Amino acid sequence: MNGGKGGSSAGTGAGGDDTPRVGPGIRRRRRALELTLAEVARRAGVSVPFLSQVENGRSRPSMSSLQRIADALDTTAVQLLASAQAPRPVDVVRGDTEPATRGGVRPLVRGRQRLHALEFTGDHDWGREYRHRGDEVLYVADGSAEVEADGARHLLRRGDTLYCAAELPHRWRPLEPGTRVVVVGIADHVQILDDTGP
C-alpha cells in the first residue's frame, strides 16, 4: 500500500485536501487503548510527527495511510471516517458538495450511524482482504469489478450487486477506468445479535 513515513507522502495539509477530519477520532481511540503516539505510528508505519499532525487536524491522511492507522488501532477506516461527524437522524449528502478522499472514497452516510455506505472510485487494493462484523452489499454503479468472496471470484458489471454475509472474507478491485462501487453495510460498532437459537 502507498502512504509513506511522513506527511509529504502520506497526506496533505489541511487546506489542500477535503478528507473529513478524522484526527479527534484517532486520538480518542488511541487514548482508549492507552497507546502512545509512538506505538501507533510504529504499528501503522508512519512517522510520529505525521500522526501528531493528523490528530491535531494539521494534516489529513490518504486512504491507504488511514487504513494502516485503523489497523494499528484495531478498528476500521470506515469507523474512523464515521467518527469525524456526529450522527444525524436525517441527512442529505449532495454529490457536488461531499468530496472524495485522495484515495477516491466518498462517504454516503455521515456520522456514527447503524450502517455505513461508501462510494469508491479509482484503484482499490486487491491485496487487502476484508472481514466485517456485519452484512455488506457491493453495488457497481459504473464500470465493472471483480470480487472474491469466500474463495470464489465473481465478475460484476454496471447494476450488479453482491451480498456478503458477516465475517465472510472478501476483497474486490475495479476492472476498468471510471468504475464506481458503492459499499453498504451494517456498521462494525453495531452489536450483531444471533437469533438463530431455539
N, C-alpha and C. Protein backbone atom coordinates (compact mmCIF):
# COMPACT_ATOMS: atom_id res chain seq x y z
N MET A 1 0.83 -1.19 0.00
CA MET A 1 0.00 0.00 0.00
C MET A 1 0.86 1.23 0.00
N ASN A 2 0.36 2.32 -0.59
CA ASN A 2 1.07 3.56 -0.57
C ASN A 2 0.73 4.32 0.70
N GLY A 3 1.45 5.45 0.91
CA GLY A 3 1.24 6.21 2.13
C GLY A 3 2.48 6.03 2.96
N GLY A 4 3.35 7.00 2.91
CA GLY A 4 4.69 6.79 3.43
C GLY A 4 4.87 7.14 4.87
N LYS A 5 6.15 7.39 5.21
CA LYS A 5 6.54 7.56 6.59
C LYS A 5 6.29 8.97 7.09
N GLY A 6 5.99 9.90 6.25
CA GLY A 6 5.84 11.26 6.71
C GLY A 6 4.68 11.95 6.05
N GLY A 7 4.47 13.24 6.41
CA GLY A 7 3.31 13.95 5.93
C GLY A 7 3.31 14.19 4.44
N SER A 8 4.50 14.37 3.83
CA SER A 8 4.52 14.71 2.41
C SER A 8 4.04 13.58 1.54
N SER A 9 4.25 12.33 1.96
CA SER A 9 3.83 11.21 1.12
C SER A 9 2.57 10.54 1.61
N ALA A 10 2.19 10.77 2.86
CA ALA A 10 1.03 10.08 3.40
C ALA A 10 -0.18 10.96 3.51
N GLY A 11 -0.06 12.24 3.29
CA GLY A 11 -1.22 13.11 3.39
C GLY A 11 -0.83 14.51 2.99
N THR A 12 -1.80 15.41 2.98
CA THR A 12 -1.53 16.78 2.63
C THR A 12 -1.97 17.67 3.76
N GLY A 13 -1.61 18.92 3.65
CA GLY A 13 -2.02 19.86 4.68
C GLY A 13 -3.51 20.03 4.70
N ALA A 14 -4.01 20.59 5.80
CA ALA A 14 -5.44 20.69 5.99
C ALA A 14 -6.12 21.52 4.93
N GLY A 15 -5.38 22.47 4.34
CA GLY A 15 -6.01 23.30 3.33
C GLY A 15 -6.04 22.66 1.97
N GLY A 16 -5.30 21.55 1.73
CA GLY A 16 -5.18 21.01 0.40
C GLY A 16 -5.97 19.77 0.15
N ASP A 17 -6.76 19.32 1.08
CA ASP A 17 -7.50 18.07 0.90
C ASP A 17 -8.81 18.19 1.65
N ASP A 18 -9.88 17.64 1.07
CA ASP A 18 -11.19 17.75 1.70
C ASP A 18 -11.60 16.49 2.44
N THR A 19 -10.64 15.63 2.76
CA THR A 19 -10.92 14.44 3.55
C THR A 19 -11.52 14.85 4.89
N PRO A 20 -12.57 14.17 5.39
CA PRO A 20 -13.10 14.51 6.70
C PRO A 20 -12.02 14.50 7.77
N ARG A 21 -12.15 15.37 8.75
CA ARG A 21 -11.15 15.48 9.81
C ARG A 21 -11.31 14.31 10.78
N VAL A 22 -10.42 13.37 10.66
CA VAL A 22 -10.51 12.15 11.46
C VAL A 22 -9.63 12.20 12.70
N GLY A 23 -8.87 13.30 12.86
CA GLY A 23 -7.91 13.39 13.95
C GLY A 23 -8.49 13.15 15.33
N PRO A 24 -9.59 13.84 15.71
CA PRO A 24 -10.14 13.63 17.05
C PRO A 24 -10.55 12.18 17.31
N GLY A 25 -11.10 11.51 16.29
CA GLY A 25 -11.49 10.11 16.47
C GLY A 25 -10.29 9.21 16.65
N ILE A 26 -9.20 9.49 15.92
CA ILE A 26 -7.97 8.72 16.07
C ILE A 26 -7.41 8.92 17.47
N ARG A 27 -7.40 10.16 17.95
CA ARG A 27 -6.88 10.43 19.29
C ARG A 27 -7.72 9.73 20.36
N ARG A 28 -9.05 9.81 20.25
CA ARG A 28 -9.92 9.16 21.24
C ARG A 28 -9.67 7.66 21.27
N ARG A 29 -9.57 7.06 20.10
CA ARG A 29 -9.35 5.62 20.01
C ARG A 29 -7.99 5.24 20.59
N ARG A 30 -6.98 6.02 20.27
CA ARG A 30 -5.62 5.73 20.78
C ARG A 30 -5.59 5.81 22.30
N ARG A 31 -6.20 6.85 22.85
CA ARG A 31 -6.20 7.02 24.31
C ARG A 31 -7.04 5.95 25.00
N ALA A 32 -8.13 5.54 24.35
CA ALA A 32 -8.95 4.48 24.93
C ALA A 32 -8.17 3.17 25.03
N LEU A 33 -7.26 2.95 24.08
CA LEU A 33 -6.43 1.75 24.09
C LEU A 33 -5.15 1.94 24.91
N GLU A 34 -4.99 3.17 25.46
CA GLU A 34 -3.82 3.51 26.27
C GLU A 34 -2.51 3.28 25.49
N LEU A 35 -2.52 3.76 24.25
CA LEU A 35 -1.34 3.66 23.39
C LEU A 35 -0.71 5.03 23.20
N THR A 36 0.60 5.08 23.07
CA THR A 36 1.29 6.33 22.81
C THR A 36 1.30 6.61 21.31
N LEU A 37 1.58 7.87 20.97
CA LEU A 37 1.73 8.22 19.56
C LEU A 37 2.79 7.35 18.90
N ALA A 38 3.89 7.14 19.60
CA ALA A 38 4.99 6.36 19.04
C ALA A 38 4.58 4.93 18.76
N GLU A 39 3.79 4.34 19.66
CA GLU A 39 3.35 2.95 19.47
C GLU A 39 2.45 2.82 18.24
N VAL A 40 1.50 3.74 18.10
CA VAL A 40 0.58 3.68 16.97
C VAL A 40 1.32 3.98 15.67
N ALA A 41 2.21 4.96 15.70
CA ALA A 41 2.98 5.29 14.50
C ALA A 41 3.82 4.10 14.04
N ARG A 42 4.44 3.42 14.98
CA ARG A 42 5.25 2.26 14.62
C ARG A 42 4.39 1.17 14.00
N ARG A 43 3.25 0.89 14.60
CA ARG A 43 2.35 -0.15 14.08
C ARG A 43 1.84 0.21 12.69
N ALA A 44 1.57 1.50 12.47
CA ALA A 44 0.97 1.95 11.20
C ALA A 44 2.02 2.21 10.13
N GLY A 45 3.30 2.30 10.51
CA GLY A 45 4.33 2.57 9.54
C GLY A 45 4.36 4.02 9.07
N VAL A 46 3.99 4.95 9.97
CA VAL A 46 4.06 6.37 9.66
C VAL A 46 4.95 7.04 10.72
N SER A 47 5.32 8.27 10.47
CA SER A 47 6.17 8.97 11.43
C SER A 47 5.33 9.53 12.58
N VAL A 48 5.97 9.70 13.73
CA VAL A 48 5.29 10.28 14.89
C VAL A 48 4.83 11.72 14.59
N PRO A 49 5.70 12.57 13.98
CA PRO A 49 5.22 13.93 13.67
C PRO A 49 4.00 13.95 12.75
N PHE A 50 3.98 13.04 11.75
CA PHE A 50 2.83 13.00 10.85
C PHE A 50 1.57 12.59 11.60
N LEU A 51 1.65 11.55 12.45
CA LEU A 51 0.48 11.12 13.21
C LEU A 51 0.01 12.22 14.14
N SER A 52 0.93 12.93 14.74
CA SER A 52 0.56 14.04 15.61
C SER A 52 -0.17 15.12 14.82
N GLN A 53 0.32 15.43 13.61
CA GLN A 53 -0.34 16.41 12.77
C GLN A 53 -1.75 15.96 12.38
N VAL A 54 -1.92 14.67 12.12
CA VAL A 54 -3.24 14.14 11.78
C VAL A 54 -4.19 14.32 12.96
N GLU A 55 -3.73 13.94 14.15
CA GLU A 55 -4.58 14.04 15.35
C GLU A 55 -4.99 15.48 15.62
N ASN A 56 -4.10 16.42 15.31
CA ASN A 56 -4.36 17.84 15.59
C ASN A 56 -5.02 18.56 14.42
N GLY A 57 -5.35 17.84 13.35
CA GLY A 57 -6.05 18.43 12.23
C GLY A 57 -5.19 19.26 11.30
N ARG A 58 -3.87 19.16 11.42
CA ARG A 58 -2.97 19.92 10.56
C ARG A 58 -2.58 19.15 9.30
N SER A 59 -2.89 17.87 9.26
CA SER A 59 -2.64 17.06 8.07
C SER A 59 -3.71 15.99 7.98
N ARG A 60 -4.02 15.59 6.77
CA ARG A 60 -5.06 14.57 6.56
C ARG A 60 -4.45 13.39 5.82
N PRO A 61 -4.69 12.19 6.30
CA PRO A 61 -4.04 11.01 5.69
C PRO A 61 -4.71 10.60 4.39
N SER A 62 -3.92 9.98 3.52
CA SER A 62 -4.50 9.31 2.36
C SER A 62 -5.31 8.11 2.86
N MET A 63 -6.11 7.54 1.98
CA MET A 63 -6.93 6.41 2.40
C MET A 63 -6.06 5.23 2.81
N SER A 64 -4.95 5.01 2.11
CA SER A 64 -4.09 3.87 2.46
C SER A 64 -3.46 4.08 3.83
N SER A 65 -3.04 5.32 4.14
CA SER A 65 -2.48 5.60 5.46
C SER A 65 -3.54 5.48 6.54
N LEU A 66 -4.76 5.94 6.23
CA LEU A 66 -5.85 5.82 7.20
C LEU A 66 -6.15 4.36 7.49
N GLN A 67 -6.11 3.51 6.46
CA GLN A 67 -6.33 2.07 6.67
C GLN A 67 -5.29 1.51 7.63
N ARG A 68 -4.03 1.91 7.46
CA ARG A 68 -2.97 1.38 8.30
C ARG A 68 -3.08 1.90 9.73
N ILE A 69 -3.47 3.17 9.87
CA ILE A 69 -3.69 3.72 11.21
C ILE A 69 -4.84 2.98 11.89
N ALA A 70 -5.91 2.72 11.13
CA ALA A 70 -7.05 1.98 11.67
C ALA A 70 -6.62 0.58 12.12
N ASP A 71 -5.82 -0.10 11.29
CA ASP A 71 -5.32 -1.42 11.67
C ASP A 71 -4.54 -1.35 12.98
N ALA A 72 -3.71 -0.30 13.11
CA ALA A 72 -2.90 -0.14 14.31
C ALA A 72 -3.75 0.09 15.55
N LEU A 73 -4.96 0.63 15.34
CA LEU A 73 -5.87 0.91 16.45
C LEU A 73 -6.95 -0.14 16.60
N ASP A 74 -6.81 -1.27 15.86
CA ASP A 74 -7.77 -2.37 15.94
C ASP A 74 -9.19 -1.89 15.63
N THR A 75 -9.31 -1.07 14.59
CA THR A 75 -10.62 -0.62 14.15
C THR A 75 -10.58 -0.57 12.63
N THR A 76 -11.53 0.12 12.00
CA THR A 76 -11.58 0.21 10.54
C THR A 76 -11.56 1.66 10.11
N ALA A 77 -11.12 1.88 8.87
CA ALA A 77 -11.13 3.23 8.31
C ALA A 77 -12.55 3.77 8.24
N VAL A 78 -13.51 2.90 7.98
CA VAL A 78 -14.92 3.32 7.93
C VAL A 78 -15.33 3.94 9.25
N GLN A 79 -14.96 3.29 10.36
CA GLN A 79 -15.35 3.81 11.66
C GLN A 79 -14.62 5.10 12.01
N LEU A 80 -13.38 5.22 11.60
CA LEU A 80 -12.66 6.47 11.85
C LEU A 80 -13.27 7.61 11.04
N LEU A 81 -13.67 7.32 9.80
CA LEU A 81 -14.35 8.33 8.99
C LEU A 81 -15.70 8.70 9.61
N ALA A 82 -16.43 7.68 10.09
CA ALA A 82 -17.74 7.93 10.68
C ALA A 82 -17.63 8.78 11.94
N SER A 83 -16.57 8.58 12.70
CA SER A 83 -16.41 9.32 13.95
C SER A 83 -16.08 10.78 13.72
N ALA A 84 -15.80 11.16 12.46
CA ALA A 84 -15.44 12.54 12.17
C ALA A 84 -16.64 13.47 12.27
N GLN A 85 -17.85 12.94 12.22
CA GLN A 85 -19.04 13.77 12.27
C GLN A 85 -20.09 13.14 13.17
N ALA A 86 -20.85 13.98 13.83
CA ALA A 86 -21.90 13.49 14.72
C ALA A 86 -23.05 12.89 13.90
N PRO A 87 -23.73 11.86 14.44
CA PRO A 87 -24.85 11.26 13.70
C PRO A 87 -26.02 12.23 13.59
N ARG A 88 -26.80 12.07 12.51
CA ARG A 88 -27.97 12.91 12.28
C ARG A 88 -29.15 12.00 11.93
N PRO A 89 -30.35 12.29 12.43
CA PRO A 89 -31.49 11.43 12.13
C PRO A 89 -31.89 11.46 10.66
N VAL A 90 -31.72 12.61 10.00
CA VAL A 90 -31.96 12.75 8.56
C VAL A 90 -30.79 13.55 8.00
N ASP A 91 -30.19 13.05 6.94
CA ASP A 91 -29.02 13.73 6.39
C ASP A 91 -28.98 13.51 4.88
N VAL A 92 -28.85 14.58 4.13
CA VAL A 92 -28.72 14.51 2.68
C VAL A 92 -27.26 14.78 2.32
N VAL A 93 -26.66 13.86 1.59
CA VAL A 93 -25.28 14.03 1.14
C VAL A 93 -25.32 14.38 -0.34
N ARG A 94 -24.96 15.59 -0.69
CA ARG A 94 -25.00 16.06 -2.07
C ARG A 94 -23.76 15.60 -2.82
N GLY A 95 -23.96 15.14 -4.05
CA GLY A 95 -22.85 14.65 -4.84
C GLY A 95 -21.83 15.71 -5.19
N ASP A 96 -22.27 16.98 -5.23
CA ASP A 96 -21.34 18.04 -5.62
C ASP A 96 -20.76 18.79 -4.43
N THR A 97 -21.11 18.37 -3.21
CA THR A 97 -20.59 19.08 -2.04
C THR A 97 -19.85 18.17 -1.07
N GLU A 98 -20.01 16.87 -1.17
CA GLU A 98 -19.30 15.94 -0.28
C GLU A 98 -18.16 15.33 -1.08
N PRO A 99 -16.94 15.85 -0.93
CA PRO A 99 -15.83 15.39 -1.78
C PRO A 99 -15.31 14.04 -1.37
N ALA A 100 -14.67 13.38 -2.32
CA ALA A 100 -14.00 12.12 -2.04
C ALA A 100 -12.65 12.38 -1.40
N THR A 101 -12.12 11.40 -0.70
CA THR A 101 -10.78 11.49 -0.17
C THR A 101 -9.78 11.39 -1.31
N ARG A 102 -8.51 11.57 -0.99
CA ARG A 102 -7.48 11.43 -2.01
C ARG A 102 -7.44 10.01 -2.56
N GLY A 103 -7.93 9.04 -1.80
CA GLY A 103 -7.96 7.67 -2.27
C GLY A 103 -9.21 7.32 -3.06
N GLY A 104 -10.07 8.33 -3.36
CA GLY A 104 -11.25 8.08 -4.15
C GLY A 104 -12.40 7.46 -3.38
N VAL A 105 -12.50 7.76 -2.07
CA VAL A 105 -13.58 7.23 -1.25
C VAL A 105 -14.47 8.39 -0.80
N ARG A 106 -15.77 8.25 -1.03
CA ARG A 106 -16.72 9.30 -0.65
C ARG A 106 -17.75 8.72 0.30
N PRO A 107 -17.87 9.28 1.53
CA PRO A 107 -18.89 8.77 2.45
C PRO A 107 -20.29 9.16 1.97
N LEU A 108 -21.19 8.20 1.94
CA LEU A 108 -22.58 8.44 1.55
C LEU A 108 -23.49 8.54 2.77
N VAL A 109 -23.01 8.07 3.90
CA VAL A 109 -23.71 8.21 5.18
C VAL A 109 -22.69 8.78 6.16
N ARG A 110 -23.05 9.89 6.80
CA ARG A 110 -22.11 10.55 7.69
C ARG A 110 -22.46 10.28 9.15
N GLY A 111 -21.44 10.31 9.99
CA GLY A 111 -21.65 10.14 11.42
C GLY A 111 -21.65 8.67 11.83
N ARG A 112 -21.75 8.45 13.13
CA ARG A 112 -21.69 7.10 13.70
C ARG A 112 -23.08 6.47 13.65
N GLN A 113 -23.49 6.06 12.47
CA GLN A 113 -24.82 5.51 12.26
C GLN A 113 -24.81 3.99 12.36
N ARG A 114 -26.01 3.40 12.25
CA ARG A 114 -26.13 1.94 12.34
C ARG A 114 -25.70 1.24 11.06
N LEU A 115 -25.53 1.99 10.00
CA LEU A 115 -24.99 1.41 8.77
C LEU A 115 -23.97 2.38 8.19
N HIS A 116 -23.12 1.85 7.32
CA HIS A 116 -22.19 2.70 6.61
C HIS A 116 -22.42 2.53 5.11
N ALA A 117 -22.07 3.55 4.36
CA ALA A 117 -22.16 3.49 2.90
C ALA A 117 -21.06 4.37 2.33
N LEU A 118 -20.26 3.78 1.47
CA LEU A 118 -19.14 4.48 0.86
C LEU A 118 -19.15 4.27 -0.65
N GLU A 119 -18.75 5.29 -1.38
CA GLU A 119 -18.59 5.18 -2.83
C GLU A 119 -17.10 5.20 -3.15
N PHE A 120 -16.63 4.18 -3.89
CA PHE A 120 -15.22 4.05 -4.24
C PHE A 120 -15.05 4.32 -5.74
N THR A 121 -14.07 5.15 -6.07
CA THR A 121 -13.66 5.34 -7.46
C THR A 121 -12.14 5.20 -7.52
N GLY A 122 -11.62 4.90 -8.69
CA GLY A 122 -10.18 4.74 -8.82
C GLY A 122 -9.74 3.36 -8.37
N ASP A 123 -8.44 3.22 -8.13
CA ASP A 123 -7.86 1.93 -7.75
C ASP A 123 -8.34 1.49 -6.38
N HIS A 124 -8.31 0.18 -6.17
CA HIS A 124 -8.63 -0.40 -4.87
C HIS A 124 -7.66 -1.54 -4.62
N ASP A 125 -7.18 -1.65 -3.41
CA ASP A 125 -6.10 -2.58 -3.08
C ASP A 125 -6.60 -4.04 -3.11
N TRP A 126 -6.25 -4.77 -4.20
CA TRP A 126 -6.66 -6.17 -4.33
C TRP A 126 -5.99 -7.04 -3.28
N GLY A 127 -4.84 -6.62 -2.79
CA GLY A 127 -4.13 -7.43 -1.80
C GLY A 127 -4.71 -7.35 -0.41
N ARG A 128 -5.68 -6.46 -0.19
CA ARG A 128 -6.26 -6.29 1.15
C ARG A 128 -7.58 -7.06 1.25
N GLU A 129 -7.66 -7.99 2.17
CA GLU A 129 -8.88 -8.77 2.38
C GLU A 129 -9.67 -8.18 3.55
N TYR A 130 -10.98 -8.16 3.39
CA TYR A 130 -11.85 -7.57 4.41
C TYR A 130 -12.70 -8.65 5.07
N ARG A 131 -13.04 -8.39 6.32
CA ARG A 131 -13.94 -9.27 7.06
C ARG A 131 -14.64 -8.39 8.09
N HIS A 132 -15.96 -8.23 7.96
CA HIS A 132 -16.70 -7.31 8.80
C HIS A 132 -17.65 -8.05 9.74
N ARG A 133 -17.97 -7.39 10.85
CA ARG A 133 -18.91 -7.97 11.82
C ARG A 133 -20.34 -7.98 11.30
N GLY A 134 -20.62 -7.12 10.32
CA GLY A 134 -21.98 -7.03 9.80
C GLY A 134 -22.06 -7.41 8.33
N ASP A 135 -23.29 -7.66 7.85
CA ASP A 135 -23.51 -7.97 6.44
C ASP A 135 -23.15 -6.76 5.58
N GLU A 136 -22.89 -7.02 4.29
CA GLU A 136 -22.47 -5.96 3.39
C GLU A 136 -22.98 -6.25 1.98
N VAL A 137 -23.27 -5.19 1.24
CA VAL A 137 -23.67 -5.29 -0.16
C VAL A 137 -22.75 -4.39 -0.99
N LEU A 138 -22.22 -4.93 -2.07
CA LEU A 138 -21.45 -4.15 -3.03
C LEU A 138 -22.30 -3.95 -4.28
N TYR A 139 -22.40 -2.71 -4.75
CA TYR A 139 -23.19 -2.37 -5.92
C TYR A 139 -22.30 -1.63 -6.91
N VAL A 140 -22.25 -2.11 -8.15
CA VAL A 140 -21.45 -1.46 -9.18
C VAL A 140 -22.31 -0.41 -9.88
N ALA A 141 -22.02 0.87 -9.61
CA ALA A 141 -22.79 1.96 -10.20
C ALA A 141 -22.34 2.26 -11.62
N ASP A 142 -21.04 2.10 -11.89
CA ASP A 142 -20.49 2.31 -13.23
C ASP A 142 -19.30 1.38 -13.41
N GLY A 143 -19.06 0.98 -14.67
CA GLY A 143 -17.90 0.15 -14.97
C GLY A 143 -18.11 -1.31 -14.59
N SER A 144 -17.04 -1.94 -14.12
CA SER A 144 -17.10 -3.35 -13.73
C SER A 144 -16.06 -3.62 -12.66
N ALA A 145 -16.29 -4.68 -11.90
CA ALA A 145 -15.40 -5.01 -10.80
C ALA A 145 -15.33 -6.52 -10.63
N GLU A 146 -14.22 -6.97 -10.08
CA GLU A 146 -14.05 -8.37 -9.71
C GLU A 146 -14.07 -8.48 -8.20
N VAL A 147 -14.86 -9.41 -7.71
CA VAL A 147 -14.98 -9.62 -6.27
C VAL A 147 -14.65 -11.07 -5.94
N GLU A 148 -13.83 -11.26 -4.94
CA GLU A 148 -13.56 -12.60 -4.43
C GLU A 148 -14.17 -12.69 -3.04
N ALA A 149 -15.11 -13.60 -2.86
CA ALA A 149 -15.81 -13.76 -1.59
C ALA A 149 -15.89 -15.24 -1.25
N ASP A 150 -15.45 -15.57 -0.07
CA ASP A 150 -15.48 -16.96 0.40
C ASP A 150 -14.77 -17.90 -0.57
N GLY A 151 -13.69 -17.41 -1.18
CA GLY A 151 -12.88 -18.25 -2.06
C GLY A 151 -13.32 -18.31 -3.51
N ALA A 152 -14.48 -17.73 -3.85
CA ALA A 152 -14.97 -17.75 -5.23
C ALA A 152 -14.90 -16.35 -5.83
N ARG A 153 -14.59 -16.26 -7.12
CA ARG A 153 -14.49 -14.97 -7.80
C ARG A 153 -15.74 -14.69 -8.62
N HIS A 154 -16.14 -13.43 -8.63
CA HIS A 154 -17.36 -13.01 -9.33
C HIS A 154 -17.07 -11.76 -10.14
N LEU A 155 -17.54 -11.73 -11.39
CA LEU A 155 -17.44 -10.55 -12.24
C LEU A 155 -18.74 -9.76 -12.11
N LEU A 156 -18.65 -8.51 -11.69
CA LEU A 156 -19.82 -7.66 -11.54
C LEU A 156 -19.76 -6.53 -12.56
N ARG A 157 -20.85 -6.33 -13.29
CA ARG A 157 -20.95 -5.23 -14.25
C ARG A 157 -21.92 -4.18 -13.72
N ARG A 158 -22.04 -3.10 -14.45
CA ARG A 158 -22.89 -1.99 -14.02
C ARG A 158 -24.30 -2.49 -13.66
N GLY A 159 -24.75 -2.11 -12.47
CA GLY A 159 -26.07 -2.51 -12.00
C GLY A 159 -26.08 -3.79 -11.19
N ASP A 160 -24.97 -4.54 -11.18
CA ASP A 160 -24.90 -5.79 -10.41
C ASP A 160 -24.63 -5.51 -8.93
N THR A 161 -25.10 -6.41 -8.08
CA THR A 161 -24.81 -6.33 -6.66
C THR A 161 -24.28 -7.67 -6.17
N LEU A 162 -23.54 -7.63 -5.10
CA LEU A 162 -23.06 -8.84 -4.43
C LEU A 162 -23.30 -8.69 -2.94
N TYR A 163 -23.99 -9.66 -2.36
CA TYR A 163 -24.22 -9.68 -0.91
C TYR A 163 -23.14 -10.52 -0.25
N CYS A 164 -22.61 -10.03 0.86
CA CYS A 164 -21.56 -10.73 1.59
C CYS A 164 -21.97 -10.82 3.06
N ALA A 165 -22.13 -12.03 3.57
CA ALA A 165 -22.57 -12.22 4.94
C ALA A 165 -21.50 -11.78 5.93
N ALA A 166 -21.91 -11.50 7.15
CA ALA A 166 -21.00 -11.08 8.20
C ALA A 166 -19.88 -12.10 8.39
N GLU A 167 -18.68 -11.59 8.65
CA GLU A 167 -17.49 -12.38 8.96
C GLU A 167 -16.94 -13.16 7.76
N LEU A 168 -17.52 -12.95 6.58
CA LEU A 168 -17.03 -13.67 5.40
C LEU A 168 -15.87 -12.90 4.77
N PRO A 169 -14.71 -13.53 4.58
CA PRO A 169 -13.59 -12.82 3.97
C PRO A 169 -13.88 -12.48 2.51
N HIS A 170 -13.51 -11.27 2.10
CA HIS A 170 -13.75 -10.85 0.73
C HIS A 170 -12.78 -9.74 0.35
N ARG A 171 -12.60 -9.55 -0.96
CA ARG A 171 -11.81 -8.46 -1.50
C ARG A 171 -12.34 -8.13 -2.88
N TRP A 172 -12.00 -6.95 -3.39
CA TRP A 172 -12.51 -6.56 -4.70
C TRP A 172 -11.58 -5.55 -5.35
N ARG A 173 -11.76 -5.39 -6.67
CA ARG A 173 -10.98 -4.41 -7.41
C ARG A 173 -11.75 -3.99 -8.65
N PRO A 174 -11.57 -2.73 -9.11
CA PRO A 174 -12.19 -2.30 -10.36
C PRO A 174 -11.47 -2.91 -11.55
N LEU A 175 -12.18 -3.11 -12.65
CA LEU A 175 -11.60 -3.71 -13.84
C LEU A 175 -11.42 -2.73 -14.99
N GLU A 176 -11.95 -1.52 -14.87
CA GLU A 176 -11.82 -0.55 -15.93
C GLU A 176 -11.87 0.86 -15.36
N PRO A 177 -11.29 1.84 -16.06
CA PRO A 177 -11.32 3.22 -15.58
C PRO A 177 -12.76 3.71 -15.44
N GLY A 178 -12.98 4.57 -14.46
CA GLY A 178 -14.30 5.14 -14.25
C GLY A 178 -15.24 4.26 -13.46
N THR A 179 -14.76 3.11 -12.98
CA THR A 179 -15.61 2.22 -12.19
C THR A 179 -15.97 2.89 -10.86
N ARG A 180 -17.24 2.81 -10.50
CA ARG A 180 -17.71 3.30 -9.19
C ARG A 180 -18.40 2.14 -8.48
N VAL A 181 -17.94 1.87 -7.28
CA VAL A 181 -18.52 0.80 -6.47
C VAL A 181 -19.07 1.40 -5.18
N VAL A 182 -20.32 1.11 -4.89
CA VAL A 182 -20.96 1.56 -3.65
C VAL A 182 -21.02 0.38 -2.69
N VAL A 183 -20.50 0.57 -1.50
CA VAL A 183 -20.49 -0.47 -0.48
C VAL A 183 -21.39 -0.01 0.66
N VAL A 184 -22.39 -0.82 0.98
CA VAL A 184 -23.32 -0.51 2.07
C VAL A 184 -23.32 -1.68 3.03
N GLY A 185 -23.19 -1.39 4.32
CA GLY A 185 -23.16 -2.48 5.29
C GLY A 185 -23.56 -2.03 6.67
N ILE A 186 -23.76 -2.99 7.55
CA ILE A 186 -24.02 -2.72 8.95
C ILE A 186 -22.72 -2.24 9.58
N ALA A 187 -22.78 -1.16 10.32
CA ALA A 187 -21.58 -0.59 10.90
C ALA A 187 -20.92 -1.57 11.87
N ASP A 188 -19.59 -1.57 11.88
CA ASP A 188 -18.85 -2.51 12.71
C ASP A 188 -19.09 -2.31 14.19
N HIS A 189 -19.47 -1.06 14.59
CA HIS A 189 -19.66 -0.83 16.03
C HIS A 189 -21.02 -1.32 16.52
N VAL A 190 -21.92 -1.71 15.60
CA VAL A 190 -23.24 -2.19 15.99
C VAL A 190 -23.15 -3.65 16.41
N GLN A 191 -23.69 -3.98 17.58
CA GLN A 191 -23.66 -5.36 18.06
C GLN A 191 -24.60 -6.22 17.22
N ILE A 192 -24.08 -7.30 16.68
CA ILE A 192 -24.88 -8.22 15.87
C ILE A 192 -25.41 -9.33 16.77
N LEU A 193 -26.73 -9.43 16.85
CA LEU A 193 -27.35 -10.43 17.74
C LEU A 193 -27.64 -11.70 16.96
N ASP A 194 -27.33 -12.82 17.55
CA ASP A 194 -27.60 -14.12 16.94
C ASP A 194 -28.96 -14.60 17.40
N ASP A 195 -29.94 -14.60 16.46
CA ASP A 195 -31.29 -15.03 16.83
C ASP A 195 -31.62 -16.38 16.20
N THR A 196 -30.59 -17.19 15.95
CA THR A 196 -30.84 -18.48 15.30
C THR A 196 -31.02 -19.60 16.31
N GLY A 197 -30.95 -19.27 17.58
CA GLY A 197 -31.06 -20.31 18.62
C GLY A 197 -32.49 -20.82 18.77
N PRO A 198 -32.69 -21.75 19.69
CA PRO A 198 -34.04 -22.33 19.87
C PRO A 198 -35.02 -21.34 20.43
